[in-house]
Amino acid sequence: MSRACLLLAIASGVGMPLSVPAVRARRRRVGPGAYGAAAASHAHTVHVGGT
């Protein structure tokens, strides 16, 4: 049990710094039109309700 806890602590310690470049890379990929498309997406949905 103590080995598993130690392994999980090491994996968490390695994973946290690696998540920072992943988040930064994802932010750069968003194009300029993506925010406008997200803002207008409510106008292009289809109502499925019965009434």
C-alpha atoms as a PDB file:
ATOM      1  CA  MET A   1       0.000   0.000   0.000  1.00  0.00           C
ATOM      2  CA  SER A   2       2.775   2.446   0.836  1.00  0.00           C
ATOM      3  CA  ARG A   3       4.503   1.742  -2.498  1.00  0.00           C
ATOM      4  CA  ALA A   4       1.314   2.497  -4.372  1.00  0.00           C
ATOM      5  CA  CYS A   5       0.886   5.789  -2.512  1.00  0.00           C
ATOM      6  CA  LEU A   6       4.477   6.715  -3.253  1.00  0.00           C
ATOM      7  CA  LEU A   7       4.047   5.882  -6.928  1.00  0.00           C
ATOM      8  CA  LEU A   8       0.881   7.970  -7.160  1.00  0.00           C
ATOM      9  CA  ALA A   9       2.578  10.909  -5.447  1.00  0.00           C
ATOM     10  CA  ILE A  10       5.460  10.754  -7.924  1.00  0.00           C
ATOM     11  CA  ALA A  11       3.079  10.501 -10.889  1.00  0.00           C
ATOM     12  CA  SER A  12       1.130  13.517  -9.641  1.00  0.00           C
ATOM     13  CA  GLY A  13       4.314  15.488  -9.125  1.00  0.00           C
ATOM     14  CA  VAL A  14       5.432  14.767 -12.674  1.00  0.00           C
ATOM     15  CA  GLY A  15       2.000  15.344 -14.204  1.00  0.00           C
ATOM     16  CA  MET A  16       1.322  18.781 -12.777  1.00  0.00           C
ATOM     17  CA  PRO A  17       4.259  20.555 -14.465  1.00  0.00           C
ATOM     18  CA  LEU A  18       3.531  18.729 -17.723  1.00  0.00           C
ATOM     19  CA  SER A  19      -0.034  20.050 -17.788  1.00  0.00           C
ATOM     20  CA  VAL A  20       1.110  23.684 -18.068  1.00  0.00           C
ATOM     21  CA  PRO A  21       2.579  23.382 -21.610  1.00  0.00           C
ATOM     22  CA  ALA A  22      -0.454  21.355 -22.699  1.00  0.00           C
ATOM     23  CA  VAL A  23      -2.832  24.130 -21.628  1.00  0.00           C
ATOM     24  CA  ARG A  24      -0.715  26.807 -23.292  1.00  0.00           C
ATOM     25  CA  ALA A  25      -0.568  24.851 -26.560  1.00  0.00           C
ATOM     26  CA  ARG A  26      -4.332  24.422 -26.578  1.00  0.00           C
ATOM     27  CA  ARG A  27      -4.929  28.144 -26.095  1.00  0.00           C
ATOM     28  CA  ARG A  28      -2.814  28.990 -29.154  1.00  0.00           C
ATOM     29  CA  ARG A  29      -4.809  26.736 -31.495  1.00  0.00           C
ATOM     30  CA  VAL A  30      -8.077  28.655 -31.120  1.00  0.00           C
ATOM     31  CA  GLY A  31      -8.722  30.698 -34.223  1.00  0.00           C
ATOM     32  CA  PRO A  32     -10.194  34.198 -34.263  1.00  0.00           C
ATOM     33  CA  GLY A  33     -13.563  33.008 -35.557  1.00  0.00           C
ATOM     34  CA  ALA A  34     -14.024  30.394 -32.869  1.00  0.00           C
ATOM     35  CA  TYR A  35     -15.310  32.845 -30.284  1.00  0.00           C
ATOM     36  CA  GLY A  36     -17.841  34.320 -32.699  1.00  0.00           C
ATOM     37  CA  ALA A  37     -19.055  30.861 -33.658  1.00  0.00           C
ATOM     38  CA  ALA A  38     -19.436  29.925 -30.011  1.00  0.00           C
ATOM     39  CA  ALA A  39     -21.361  33.121 -29.284  1.00  0.00           C
ATOM     40  CA  ALA A  40     -23.765  32.525 -32.194  1.00  0.00           C
ATOM     41  CA  SER A  41     -24.223  28.803 -31.606  1.00  0.00           C
ATOM     42  CA  HIS A  42     -27.426  29.261 -29.626  1.00  0.00           C
ATOM     43  CA  ALA A  43     -29.121  30.714 -32.721  1.00  0.00           C
ATOM     44  CA  HIS A  44     -28.362  27.638 -34.821  1.00  0.00           C
ATOM     45  CA  THR A  45     -29.761  24.931 -32.596  1.00  0.00           C
ATOM     46  CA  VAL A  46     -32.864  22.931 -33.401  1.00  0.00           C
ATOM     47  CA  HIS A  47     -35.700  22.811 -30.882  1.00  0.00           C
ATOM     48  CA  VAL A  48     -36.601  19.168 -30.213  1.00  0.00           C
ATOM     49  CA  GLY A  49     -39.395  19.640 -27.649  1.00  0.00           C
ATOM     50  CA  GLY A  50     -42.974  18.581 -28.411  1.00  0.00           C
ATOM     51  CA  THR A  51     -44.600  21.949 -27.783  1.00  0.00           C
END
